[in-house]
Amino acid sequence: MPIVSYETAELLVRIAFPVGAIMDGLAVIPMLSRRIGTALFGGDPSGGSVEYRYAMGIGASLLAGWTSLLLWGVASPIERRDLLMLTVFPVITGIVVATAIVARRRVIRPARAIPLWIHLGVVSLFYVVAYILVRPFAH
């Protein structure tokens, strides 16, 4: 027996997809702007090798693609609910691990990573709960 009504479960995933798309879309900005990235995470705004810019460009492209996938999920949220779990594992998990590595190595100050981890933890929890609640209604 479902814990919540179909309407409530559908509403949760209808909210989850655009929330993720907006957050991912915003995350592309510091990847493309070294100045904004360093304002958020620290570092030298004048630095940035060609290799760094190349890697950030690839990352921004992939993140923009994931943003598009989440927007695609809005059209059929229950049928595309698996995108929520793919967002948590490996996407968000990978971001958390990568950020922990650079914070541990003092590439960024750990204090600058904490708001990101809190944000990603809240989004992950929301996605997992929405996924679990919508599963009884999936065909």
Protein backbone atom coordinates (compact mmCIF):
# COMPACT_ATOMS: atom_id res chain seq x y z
CA MET A 1 0.00 0.00 0.00
CA PRO A 2 1.40 3.42 -0.95
CA ILE A 3 2.42 5.80 1.82
CA VAL A 4 1.14 8.85 -0.06
CA SER A 5 -1.44 9.47 -2.74
CA TYR A 6 -0.61 9.29 -6.42
CA GLU A 7 -1.11 13.05 -6.68
CA THR A 8 1.35 13.75 -3.86
CA ALA A 9 3.97 11.37 -5.25
CA GLU A 10 3.63 12.85 -8.73
CA LEU A 11 3.87 16.39 -7.34
CA LEU A 12 7.11 15.52 -5.54
CA VAL A 13 8.79 14.25 -8.69
CA ARG A 14 7.33 17.12 -10.72
CA ILE A 15 9.07 19.46 -8.27
CA ALA A 16 12.27 17.40 -8.03
CA PHE A 17 13.12 17.52 -11.72
CA PRO A 18 13.00 21.30 -12.23
CA VAL A 19 14.72 21.92 -8.88
CA GLY A 20 17.61 19.75 -10.04
CA ALA A 21 17.66 21.35 -13.46
CA ILE A 22 17.83 24.85 -11.96
CA MET A 23 20.59 23.85 -9.53
CA ASP A 24 22.61 22.17 -12.28
CA GLY A 25 22.10 25.08 -14.61
CA LEU A 26 23.38 27.47 -11.95
CA ALA A 27 26.37 25.20 -11.30
CA VAL A 28 27.50 25.64 -14.89
CA ILE A 29 28.14 29.36 -14.24
CA PRO A 30 31.18 29.00 -11.94
CA MET A 31 32.55 26.36 -14.29
CA LEU A 32 32.52 28.80 -17.19
CA SER A 33 33.53 31.89 -15.20
CA ARG A 34 36.80 31.59 -13.30
CA ARG A 35 36.00 34.83 -11.43
CA ILE A 36 32.69 33.49 -10.10
CA GLY A 37 34.21 30.09 -9.38
CA THR A 38 36.99 31.57 -7.27
CA ALA A 39 34.54 33.87 -5.49
CA LEU A 40 32.57 30.80 -4.43
CA PHE A 41 35.33 28.29 -3.79
CA GLY A 42 38.51 30.33 -3.46
CA GLY A 43 41.70 30.17 -5.44
CA ASP A 44 43.53 32.52 -7.75
CA PRO A 45 41.15 34.26 -10.20
CA SER A 46 44.03 35.15 -12.52
CA GLY A 47 45.19 31.53 -12.78
CA GLY A 48 43.77 28.79 -14.88
CA SER A 49 45.85 26.91 -17.39
CA VAL A 50 44.64 25.90 -20.81
CA GLU A 51 44.26 22.37 -19.43
CA TYR A 52 42.12 23.65 -16.55
CA ARG A 53 39.86 25.64 -18.89
CA TYR A 54 39.56 22.62 -21.19
CA ALA A 55 38.55 20.34 -18.29
CA MET A 56 36.04 22.91 -17.01
CA GLY A 57 34.59 23.30 -20.49
CA ILE A 58 34.07 19.55 -20.76
CA GLY A 59 32.57 19.44 -17.26
CA ALA A 60 30.25 22.35 -18.02
CA SER A 61 29.08 20.64 -21.20
CA LEU A 62 28.33 17.42 -19.34
CA LEU A 63 26.53 19.30 -16.58
CA ALA A 64 24.48 21.21 -19.14
CA GLY A 65 23.58 17.86 -20.71
CA TRP A 66 22.48 16.50 -17.33
CA THR A 67 20.41 19.64 -16.83
CA SER A 68 18.66 18.83 -20.10
CA LEU A 69 17.98 15.28 -18.92
CA LEU A 70 16.35 16.59 -15.77
CA LEU A 71 14.20 18.94 -17.83
CA TRP A 72 13.25 15.95 -19.98
CA GLY A 73 12.16 14.20 -16.78
CA VAL A 74 9.55 16.91 -16.16
CA ALA A 75 7.53 15.70 -19.18
CA SER A 76 6.99 12.18 -17.72
CA PRO A 77 8.19 12.34 -14.12
CA ILE A 78 6.96 8.97 -12.92
CA GLU A 79 8.19 7.11 -15.99
CA ARG A 80 11.58 8.87 -15.82
CA ARG A 81 11.96 8.61 -12.05
CA ASP A 82 15.18 6.59 -12.42
CA LEU A 83 16.92 9.81 -13.45
CA LEU A 84 16.53 10.92 -9.83
CA MET A 85 18.60 8.00 -8.59
CA LEU A 86 21.15 8.42 -11.37
CA THR A 87 21.49 12.01 -10.25
CA VAL A 88 22.25 10.92 -6.68
CA PHE A 89 24.45 7.96 -7.68
CA PRO A 90 26.91 8.65 -9.41
CA VAL A 91 26.49 12.38 -10.21
CA ILE A 92 26.05 13.96 -6.76
CA THR A 93 28.13 11.29 -5.06
CA GLY A 94 30.97 11.98 -7.51
CA ILE A 95 30.78 15.72 -6.88
CA VAL A 96 30.90 15.18 -3.11
CA VAL A 97 33.89 12.82 -3.34
CA ALA A 98 35.78 15.11 -5.74
CA THR A 99 35.12 18.10 -3.49
CA ALA A 100 36.25 16.17 -0.41
CA ILE A 101 39.51 15.26 -2.16
CA VAL A 102 40.34 18.84 -3.10
CA ALA A 103 39.29 20.13 0.32
CA ARG A 104 41.49 17.54 2.03
CA ARG A 105 44.40 18.59 -0.18
CA ARG A 106 43.64 22.24 0.64
CA VAL A 107 43.04 23.17 -3.00
CA ILE A 108 39.89 24.78 -1.62
CA ARG A 109 39.24 25.63 2.00
CA PRO A 110 37.05 22.96 3.62
CA ALA A 111 34.77 25.70 4.96
CA ARG A 112 33.92 26.64 1.36
CA ALA A 113 32.88 23.05 0.62
CA ILE A 114 30.46 22.72 3.53
CA PRO A 115 27.60 24.76 1.99
CA LEU A 116 27.90 22.70 -1.20
CA TRP A 117 27.78 19.45 0.76
CA ILE A 118 24.74 20.60 2.72
CA HIS A 119 22.99 21.64 -0.49
CA LEU A 120 23.81 18.36 -2.22
CA GLY A 121 22.76 16.38 0.85
CA VAL A 122 19.36 18.08 0.92
CA VAL A 123 18.84 17.57 -2.82
CA SER A 124 19.91 13.92 -2.54
CA LEU A 125 17.56 13.28 0.37
CA PHE A 126 14.69 14.92 -1.53
CA TYR A 127 15.44 12.84 -4.64
CA VAL A 128 15.65 9.55 -2.72
CA VAL A 129 12.42 10.23 -0.82
CA ALA A 130 10.57 11.28 -3.99
CA TYR A 131 11.85 8.17 -5.77
CA ILE A 132 10.75 5.86 -2.97
CA LEU A 133 7.32 7.46 -2.67
CA VAL A 134 6.62 7.31 -6.42
CA ARG A 135 7.72 3.67 -6.90
CA PRO A 136 4.35 2.09 -5.99
CA PHE A 137 2.75 4.07 -8.83
CA ALA A 138 5.33 3.18 -11.48
CA HIS A 139 4.27 0.77 -14.18
